């Protein structure tokens, strides 16, 4: 473990993950804050957040493939500075033009930096320690979740006390990290990849895994319904409590509590999944998360924090477990497999977010609360589907490249 934290590449990706997920989790708070001066409807709030999630999802498989081709020397630090810059520009344009669509453009583009970072970061985290791949990947996701938990509280406080200056200062604060990442990842260029992974088809042995279409279908269903309950809820949590009269600091704080619970429970659930099995842990956490989600919109007091912590912790607990299952089921490189999995996860979340906003507008006053409660049913469906997930990782079969490539 000590040697892991002496690895500058590992530090680069975990600090990068913490930082980029601070921005990643503040989108709903910023959109909610701007919804009053820009006179956004619930549909427009949902459109902005779902478009952000969609670009994040759509870009991850591409950037996973690109990382395998060109390396991470530029993609790593570039992804962080891109996201920070786009956030600053989006807020500035919203404040100066009061034009929703101009804000929408730069806000959506910020997601491409998030999409570029995650496959690259997950790949470096899992390869930072050969004998502790699971541990290093778990720490990588923990730092990301801590960033998700920090962002809404920090930005909510900044918006209440500093306004736009806080957002611009936050964007500029990533410059030192950009320089450190550029230094730490300097060796991971296209030339380095070519030297590290020479294509010697005559001697190379490839790890080929049979694709279990049934298991992938079940996993896809679990992810889709979980995304509605988990990502759809967090997208509208600030708006829900803004409508109840809360200030930005308060609805930022409850959003942070939601993410913080997810971070802590993600580590605990991973530990129990290793001991008890992945399937029962996913089933129980999704099942138990449905009840507090139903009650979450009913309370306009401190009890709301308790329910938010329970919902975030229980529905967020299965995140890393789902990613590990998907990597077992999907063949190919680590970056591409991670990109495909995370892309689908956030893509289904984007669709859920758009639908929640649209349905809330159609229902009128009080509609958002009812639609968020409907997420409890989505969580129950996800839990039932989880019972049909594979109980063990698929067996890998080794084939010589000459056999695999033969017609």
Protein backbone atom coordinates (compact mmCIF):
# COMPACT_ATOMS: atom_id res chain seq x y z
CA UNK A 1 0.00 0.00 0.00
CA UNK A 2 2.85 2.40 0.82
CA UNK A 3 4.42 1.86 -2.60
CA UNK A 4 1.07 2.66 -4.23
CA UNK A 5 1.02 6.14 -2.69
CA UNK A 6 4.60 6.71 -3.85
CA UNK A 7 3.43 6.36 -7.44
CA UNK A 8 3.09 9.81 -9.04
CA UNK A 9 0.82 8.46 -11.77
CA UNK A 10 -1.57 7.10 -9.14
CA UNK A 11 -1.58 10.46 -7.36
CA UNK A 12 -2.23 12.22 -10.66
CA UNK A 13 -5.34 10.18 -11.44
CA UNK A 14 -6.86 10.14 -7.93
CA UNK A 15 -6.37 13.91 -7.49
CA UNK A 16 -7.67 14.42 -11.00
CA UNK A 17 -10.69 12.26 -10.19
CA UNK A 18 -11.40 14.22 -7.01
CA UNK A 19 -11.14 17.54 -8.85
CA UNK A 20 -13.08 16.72 -12.00
CA UNK A 21 -15.90 15.15 -9.98
CA UNK A 22 -16.20 18.34 -7.92
CA UNK A 23 -17.25 19.99 -11.17
CA UNK A 24 -19.18 16.90 -12.25
CA UNK A 25 -21.49 17.01 -9.22
CA UNK A 26 -22.09 20.78 -9.20
CA UNK A 27 -24.02 20.86 -12.47
CA UNK A 28 -27.42 20.37 -10.84
CA UNK A 29 -26.64 23.06 -8.23
CA UNK A 30 -25.48 25.58 -10.84
CA UNK A 31 -28.44 24.89 -13.15
CA UNK A 32 -30.84 25.23 -10.20
CA UNK A 33 -29.20 28.51 -9.13
CA UNK A 34 -29.46 29.90 -12.68
CA UNK A 35 -33.00 28.61 -13.19
CA UNK A 36 -34.44 31.74 -11.54
CA UNK A 37 -32.55 34.48 -13.45
CA UNK A 38 -32.87 32.50 -16.70
CA UNK A 39 -36.53 31.62 -15.96
CA UNK A 40 -36.00 27.92 -16.70
CA UNK A 41 -38.86 25.48 -16.63
CA UNK A 42 -38.45 22.03 -15.06
CA UNK A 43 -38.14 20.66 -18.60
CA UNK A 44 -35.24 23.03 -19.33
CA UNK A 45 -33.54 22.09 -16.06
CA UNK A 46 -33.92 18.44 -17.02
CA UNK A 47 -32.75 19.12 -20.58
CA UNK A 48 -29.56 20.89 -19.43
CA UNK A 49 -28.61 18.21 -16.91
CA UNK A 50 -29.56 15.30 -19.17
CA UNK A 51 -27.62 16.80 -22.12
CA UNK A 52 -24.58 17.10 -19.85
CA UNK A 53 -24.98 13.47 -18.77
CA UNK A 54 -25.57 12.40 -22.37
CA UNK A 55 -22.36 14.02 -23.67
CA UNK A 56 -20.51 12.52 -20.73
CA UNK A 57 -21.91 9.08 -21.57
CA UNK A 58 -21.51 9.33 -25.35
CA UNK A 59 -17.90 10.48 -25.18
CA UNK A 60 -16.57 7.87 -22.72
CA UNK A 61 -16.33 4.90 -25.12
CA UNK A 62 -14.66 7.12 -27.72
CA UNK A 63 -12.13 8.51 -25.27
CA UNK A 64 -11.50 5.03 -23.87
CA UNK A 65 -10.61 3.89 -27.40
CA UNK A 66 -8.55 7.06 -27.98
CA UNK A 67 -6.57 6.55 -24.77
CA UNK A 68 -5.60 3.06 -25.94
CA UNK A 69 -4.41 4.60 -29.23
CA UNK A 70 -2.59 7.81 -28.25
CA UNK A 71 -1.96 7.51 -24.52
CA UNK A 72 -2.91 9.86 -21.70
CA UNK A 73 -0.15 12.47 -21.76
CA UNK A 74 -2.50 15.08 -23.22
CA UNK A 75 -5.90 13.57 -22.49
CA UNK A 76 -5.33 13.39 -18.73
CA UNK A 77 -4.47 17.01 -17.88
CA UNK A 78 -6.40 18.31 -20.88
CA UNK A 79 -9.66 16.76 -19.68
CA UNK A 80 -9.45 18.54 -16.32
CA UNK A 81 -8.63 21.98 -17.73
CA UNK A 82 -11.31 21.60 -20.43
CA UNK A 83 -14.08 20.90 -17.92
CA UNK A 84 -13.03 23.71 -15.58
CA UNK A 85 -12.82 26.22 -18.44
CA UNK A 86 -16.20 25.28 -19.89
CA UNK A 87 -17.87 25.57 -16.49
CA UNK A 88 -16.45 29.06 -16.01
CA UNK A 89 -17.48 30.14 -19.51
CA UNK A 90 -20.97 28.67 -19.17
CA UNK A 91 -21.62 30.57 -15.94
CA UNK A 92 -20.17 33.80 -17.35
CA UNK A 93 -22.33 33.57 -20.48
CA UNK A 94 -25.45 32.85 -18.43
CA UNK A 95 -24.83 35.89 -16.22
CA UNK A 96 -24.05 38.27 -19.07
CA UNK A 97 -26.51 37.16 -21.77
CA UNK A 98 -29.32 35.51 -19.75
CA UNK A 99 -29.64 33.21 -22.76
CA UNK A 100 -30.45 29.62 -21.83
CA UNK A 101 -29.21 28.12 -25.09
CA UNK A 102 -25.84 29.90 -24.99
CA UNK A 103 -25.34 28.62 -21.44
CA UNK A 104 -26.60 25.19 -22.52
CA UNK A 105 -23.92 24.88 -25.22
CA UNK A 106 -20.87 25.44 -23.00
CA UNK A 107 -22.39 23.57 -20.07
CA UNK A 108 -22.90 20.50 -22.28
CA UNK A 109 -19.38 20.74 -23.71
CA UNK A 110 -17.93 20.61 -20.18
CA UNK A 111 -19.10 17.00 -19.99
CA UNK A 112 -16.67 15.94 -22.73
CA UNK A 113 -13.76 16.56 -20.35
CA UNK A 114 -15.42 14.33 -17.74
CA UNK A 115 -15.95 11.68 -20.41
CA UNK A 116 -12.30 11.87 -21.45
CA UNK A 117 -10.96 11.56 -17.90
CA UNK A 118 -12.80 8.56 -16.48
CA UNK A 119 -11.71 5.72 -18.82
CA UNK A 120 -8.13 6.97 -18.74
CA UNK A 121 -8.14 7.35 -14.96
CA UNK A 122 -9.71 3.94 -14.33
CA UNK A 123 -7.10 2.30 -16.56
CA UNK A 124 -4.17 3.92 -14.74
CA UNK A 125 -5.69 3.19 -11.32
CA UNK A 126 -6.11 -0.53 -12.03
CA UNK A 127 -2.55 -0.84 -13.41
CA UNK A 128 -0.79 1.22 -10.71
CA UNK A 129 -0.29 -1.89 -8.58
CA UNK A 130 -0.12 -5.35 -10.15
CA UNK A 131 -0.96 -7.21 -6.95
CA UNK A 132 -3.48 -4.66 -5.60
CA UNK A 133 -5.54 -3.80 -8.67
CA UNK A 134 -8.87 -4.01 -6.83
CA UNK A 135 -7.58 -1.87 -3.96
CA UNK A 136 -6.12 0.81 -6.20
CA UNK A 137 -9.30 0.94 -8.31
CA UNK A 138 -11.40 1.19 -5.15
CA UNK A 139 -9.31 4.13 -3.92
CA UNK A 140 -9.66 5.79 -7.33
CA UNK A 141 -13.46 5.59 -7.14
CA UNK A 142 -13.41 6.71 -3.50
CA UNK A 143 -11.58 9.93 -4.43
CA UNK A 144 -14.11 10.52 -7.20
CA UNK A 145 -17.03 10.03 -4.82
CA UNK A 146 -15.42 12.40 -2.32
CA UNK A 147 -15.22 14.97 -5.10
CA UNK A 148 -18.90 14.40 -5.87
CA UNK A 149 -19.70 14.94 -2.20
CA UNK A 150 -17.55 18.07 -1.88
CA UNK A 151 -18.74 19.87 -5.02
CA UNK A 152 -22.38 20.73 -4.23
CA UNK A 153 -21.66 21.96 -0.68
CA UNK A 154 -18.66 24.01 -1.81
CA UNK A 155 -20.38 25.56 -4.82
CA UNK A 156 -23.64 26.17 -2.96
CA UNK A 157 -21.72 28.14 -0.32
CA UNK A 158 -19.78 30.03 -3.01
CA UNK A 159 -22.94 30.98 -4.90
CA UNK A 160 -24.62 32.32 -1.75
CA UNK A 161 -21.58 34.33 -0.59
CA UNK A 162 -19.44 35.05 -3.68
CA UNK A 163 -21.71 34.60 -6.67
CA UNK A 164 -19.96 34.17 -9.99
CA UNK A 165 -16.54 35.04 -8.53
CA UNK A 166 -16.56 31.75 -6.64
CA UNK A 167 -17.17 29.77 -9.84
CA UNK A 168 -14.42 31.61 -11.71
CA UNK A 169 -11.99 31.09 -8.83
CA UNK A 170 -12.83 27.38 -8.72
CA UNK A 171 -12.12 27.11 -12.45
CA UNK A 172 -8.72 28.81 -12.08
CA UNK A 173 -7.75 26.64 -9.10
CA UNK A 174 -7.17 23.59 -11.34
CA UNK A 175 -4.07 25.10 -13.00
CA UNK A 176 -1.55 23.63 -10.48
CA UNK A 177 -3.17 20.19 -10.86
CA UNK A 178 -2.99 20.51 -14.66
CA UNK A 179 0.77 21.11 -14.44
CA UNK A 180 1.30 18.19 -12.04
CA UNK A 181 -0.72 15.80 -14.21
CA UNK A 182 1.17 16.90 -17.31
CA UNK A 183 4.44 16.09 -15.51
CA UNK A 184 3.25 12.78 -14.01
CA UNK A 185 1.73 11.44 -17.24
CA UNK A 186 4.45 12.73 -19.56
CA UNK A 187 5.71 9.23 -20.41
CA UNK A 188 2.30 7.94 -21.51
CA UNK A 189 2.40 9.06 -25.12
CA UNK A 190 1.59 7.15 -28.30
CA UNK A 191 5.28 6.30 -28.73
CA UNK A 192 5.40 4.86 -25.20
CA UNK A 193 2.37 2.69 -25.87
CA UNK A 194 3.92 1.35 -29.06
CA UNK A 195 7.09 0.37 -27.17
CA UNK A 196 5.19 -1.11 -24.21
CA UNK A 197 2.75 -3.15 -26.30
CA UNK A 198 4.48 -4.29 -29.50
CA UNK A 199 2.26 -6.19 -31.90
CA UNK A 200 3.94 -9.58 -32.19
CA UNK A 201 1.13 -11.73 -33.45
CA UNK A 202 3.33 -14.80 -33.80
CA UNK A 203 4.11 -14.98 -30.10
CA UNK A 204 1.34 -12.99 -28.48
CA UNK A 205 -1.29 -14.85 -26.45
CA UNK A 206 -4.64 -13.14 -26.12
CA UNK A 207 -7.17 -13.38 -23.32
CA UNK A 208 -10.50 -14.07 -24.93
CA UNK A 209 -13.70 -14.18 -22.92
CA UNK A 210 -16.96 -15.59 -24.14
CA UNK A 211 -19.65 -12.93 -24.08
CA UNK A 212 -22.70 -13.90 -22.02
CA UNK A 213 -25.51 -12.07 -23.79
CA UNK A 214 -28.09 -13.03 -21.17
CA UNK A 215 -25.98 -11.69 -18.30
CA UNK A 216 -25.23 -8.47 -20.20
CA UNK A 217 -28.95 -7.95 -20.82
CA UNK A 218 -29.78 -8.40 -17.14
CA UNK A 219 -26.95 -6.07 -16.13
CA UNK A 220 -28.19 -3.47 -18.64
CA UNK A 221 -31.66 -3.60 -17.04
CA UNK A 222 -30.23 -3.25 -13.53
CA UNK A 223 -28.15 -0.24 -14.61
CA UNK A 224 -31.05 1.45 -16.42
CA UNK A 225 -33.57 1.24 -13.57
CA UNK A 226 -30.92 2.04 -10.97
CA UNK A 227 -29.91 5.12 -12.99
CA UNK A 228 -33.47 6.45 -12.82
CA UNK A 229 -33.60 5.98 -9.05
CA UNK A 230 -30.05 7.16 -8.29
CA UNK A 231 -28.91 9.63 -10.97
CA UNK A 232 -32.38 10.95 -11.75
CA UNK A 233 -32.97 11.74 -8.08
CA UNK A 234 -29.66 13.52 -7.55
CA UNK A 235 -30.19 15.61 -10.69
CA UNK A 236 -33.41 17.11 -9.26
CA UNK A 237 -32.58 17.08 -5.56
CA UNK A 238 -31.49 20.77 -5.55
CA UNK A 239 -34.56 21.82 -7.58
CA UNK A 240 -36.88 19.86 -5.27
CA UNK A 241 -35.68 21.70 -2.19
CA UNK A 242 -35.35 25.06 -3.94
CA UNK A 243 -39.09 24.80 -4.59
CA UNK A 244 -39.50 24.23 -0.84
CA UNK A 245 -37.71 27.54 -0.15
CA UNK A 246 -34.16 26.34 0.61
CA UNK A 247 -31.13 28.52 -0.20
CA UNK A 248 -28.21 27.38 -2.39
CA UNK A 249 -26.04 26.52 0.62
CA UNK A 250 -28.75 24.27 2.04
CA UNK A 251 -29.68 22.41 -1.15
CA UNK A 252 -25.98 22.15 -1.96
CA UNK A 253 -25.40 20.60 1.46
CA UNK A 254 -28.12 17.94 1.07
CA UNK A 255 -26.76 17.07 -2.37
CA UNK A 256 -23.28 16.68 -0.87
CA UNK A 257 -24.69 14.47 1.89
CA UNK A 258 -26.24 12.26 -0.81
CA UNK A 259 -22.89 11.88 -2.61
CA UNK A 260 -20.88 11.44 0.61
CA UNK A 261 -23.12 8.56 1.69
CA UNK A 262 -22.60 7.01 -1.74
CA UNK A 263 -18.81 7.28 -1.35
CA UNK A 264 -18.73 5.62 2.07
CA UNK A 265 -21.21 2.89 1.23
CA UNK A 266 -19.41 2.16 -2.04
CA UNK A 267 -16.31 1.11 -0.12
CA UNK A 268 -18.27 -0.93 2.43
CA UNK A 269 -20.39 -2.62 -0.25
CA UNK A 270 -17.28 -3.57 -2.22
CA UNK A 271 -15.85 -5.23 0.90
CA UNK A 272 -19.06 -7.19 1.53
CA UNK A 273 -19.34 -8.14 -2.16
CA UNK A 274 -15.91 -9.77 -1.95
CA UNK A 275 -16.99 -11.75 1.11
CA UNK A 276 -20.68 -12.48 0.46
CA UNK A 277 -20.93 -12.23 -3.32
CA UNK A 278 -21.81 -9.43 -5.72
CA UNK A 279 -25.40 -10.41 -6.48
CA UNK A 280 -26.80 -10.42 -2.91
CA UNK A 281 -25.12 -7.09 -2.06
CA UNK A 282 -26.53 -5.38 -5.16
CA UNK A 283 -30.00 -6.85 -4.49
CA UNK A 284 -30.14 -5.86 -0.81
CA UNK A 285 -28.84 -2.31 -1.27
CA UNK A 286 -31.25 -1.57 -4.11
CA UNK A 287 -34.16 -3.13 -2.24
CA UNK A 288 -33.47 -1.19 0.97
CA UNK A 289 -32.93 2.06 -0.92
CA UNK A 290 -36.47 2.12 -2.34
CA UNK A 291 -38.25 2.89 0.95
CA UNK A 292 -36.35 6.07 1.97
CA UNK A 293 -36.58 7.33 -1.63
CA UNK A 294 -40.37 7.23 -1.38
CA UNK A 295 -40.32 9.37 1.79
CA UNK A 296 -37.54 11.78 0.69
CA UNK A 297 -39.79 14.40 -1.00
CA UNK A 298 -42.27 14.45 1.90
CA UNK A 299 -40.09 16.28 4.42
CA UNK A 300 -39.04 19.93 4.42
CA UNK A 301 -36.79 19.71 7.50
CA UNK A 302 -33.70 17.95 8.83
CA UNK A 303 -35.32 14.55 8.32
CA UNK A 304 -34.79 15.15 4.59
CA UNK A 305 -31.04 14.92 5.20
CA UNK A 306 -31.45 11.50 6.81
CA UNK A 307 -33.50 10.19 3.91
CA UNK A 308 -31.05 11.69 1.38
CA UNK A 309 -28.15 9.96 3.13
CA UNK A 310 -30.01 6.63 3.10
CA UNK A 311 -31.00 6.94 -0.57
CA UNK A 312 -27.55 8.07 -1.71
CA UNK A 313 -25.76 5.42 0.32
CA UNK A 314 -27.96 2.47 -0.59
CA UNK A 315 -28.43 3.22 -4.29
CA UNK A 316 -24.85 4.42 -4.73
CA UNK A 317 -23.35 1.39 -2.98
CA UNK A 318 -23.42 -0.80 -6.07
CA UNK A 319 -21.56 1.55 -8.43
CA UNK A 320 -18.10 -0.01 -8.32
CA UNK A 321 -19.55 -3.54 -8.11
CA UNK A 322 -21.51 -2.97 -11.31
CA UNK A 323 -18.41 -1.65 -13.07
CA UNK A 324 -16.41 -4.73 -12.00
CA UNK A 325 -19.16 -7.10 -13.21
CA UNK A 326 -19.31 -5.28 -16.55
CA UNK A 327 -15.54 -5.48 -16.98
CA UNK A 328 -15.76 -9.24 -16.39
CA UNK A 329 -18.48 -9.59 -19.01
CA UNK A 330 -17.03 -7.26 -21.65
CA UNK A 331 -13.93 -8.29 -23.58
CA UNK A 332 -11.30 -5.82 -24.76
CA UNK A 333 -9.00 -3.26 -23.25
CA UNK A 334 -9.51 -1.77 -19.80
CA UNK A 335 -10.00 1.77 -21.07
CA UNK A 336 -12.56 0.83 -23.71
CA UNK A 337 -14.45 -1.56 -21.40
CA UNK A 338 -14.60 1.09 -18.68
CA UNK A 339 -15.73 3.71 -21.18
CA UNK A 340 -18.52 1.53 -22.56
CA UNK A 341 -19.79 0.64 -19.09
CA UNK A 342 -19.69 4.13 -17.63
CA UNK A 343 -21.04 5.58 -20.86
CA UNK A 344 -24.12 3.37 -20.73
CA UNK A 345 -24.58 4.05 -17.02
CA UNK A 346 -24.56 7.83 -17.45
CA UNK A 347 -26.47 7.61 -20.72
CA UNK A 348 -29.42 5.89 -19.07
CA UNK A 349 -29.17 8.46 -16.30
CA UNK A 350 -29.42 11.24 -18.89
CA UNK A 351 -32.57 9.74 -20.39
CA UNK A 352 -34.09 9.35 -16.93
CA UNK A 353 -33.27 12.95 -16.03
CA UNK A 354 -34.89 14.31 -19.18
CA UNK A 355 -38.02 12.20 -18.61
CA UNK A 356 -38.30 13.30 -14.97
CA UNK A 357 -38.16 16.97 -15.98
CA UNK A 358 -40.67 16.50 -18.79
CA UNK A 359 -43.14 14.55 -16.65
CA UNK A 360 -42.81 17.03 -13.78
CA UNK A 361 -43.80 19.88 -16.10
CA UNK A 362 -46.75 17.91 -17.46
CA UNK A 363 -48.05 17.26 -13.95
CA UNK A 364 -47.76 20.86 -12.78
CA UNK A 365 -47.49 21.91 -9.12
CA UNK A 366 -46.17 19.11 -6.94
CA UNK A 367 -45.36 16.97 -9.95
CA UNK A 368 -41.62 16.83 -9.25
CA UNK A 369 -42.16 15.32 -5.80
CA UNK A 370 -44.42 12.61 -7.20
CA UNK A 371 -42.03 11.74 -10.03
CA UNK A 372 -39.11 11.46 -7.60
CA UNK A 373 -41.21 9.12 -5.46
CA UNK A 374 -41.80 7.02 -8.57
CA UNK A 375 -38.04 6.31 -8.50
CA UNK A 376 -38.71 3.98 -5.55
CA UNK A 377 -40.56 1.67 -7.94
CA UNK A 378 -37.65 1.84 -10.39
CA UNK A 379 -35.33 0.83 -7.56
CA UNK A 380 -37.50 -2.19 -6.75
CA UNK A 381 -37.43 -3.31 -10.39
CA UNK A 382 -33.63 -2.96 -10.41
CA UNK A 383 -33.40 -5.04 -7.22
CA UNK A 384 -35.53 -7.84 -8.69
CA UNK A 385 -33.48 -7.84 -11.90
CA UNK A 386 -30.28 -8.07 -9.82
CA UNK A 387 -31.38 -11.51 -8.58
CA UNK A 388 -30.70 -12.83 -12.09
CA UNK A 389 -27.14 -11.49 -12.33
CA UNK A 390 -24.32 -14.07 -12.56
CA UNK A 391 -23.09 -15.17 -9.15
CA UNK A 392 -19.48 -15.70 -10.29
CA UNK A 393 -17.15 -13.99 -12.79
CA UNK A 394 -17.01 -15.72 -16.21
CA UNK A 395 -14.04 -17.98 -16.79
CA UNK A 396 -11.38 -16.58 -19.08
CA UNK A 397 -10.11 -18.83 -21.86
CA UNK A 398 -6.61 -18.45 -23.22
CA UNK A 399 -6.22 -18.80 -26.97
CA UNK A 400 -3.00 -18.31 -28.93
CA UNK A 401 -3.30 -15.30 -31.21
CA UNK A 402 -2.62 -17.50 -34.24
CA UNK A 403 -5.71 -19.60 -33.44
CA UNK A 404 -7.91 -16.63 -32.56
CA UNK A 405 -7.04 -14.79 -35.75
CA UNK A 406 -7.50 -17.76 -38.06
CA UNK A 407 -10.56 -17.64 -40.35
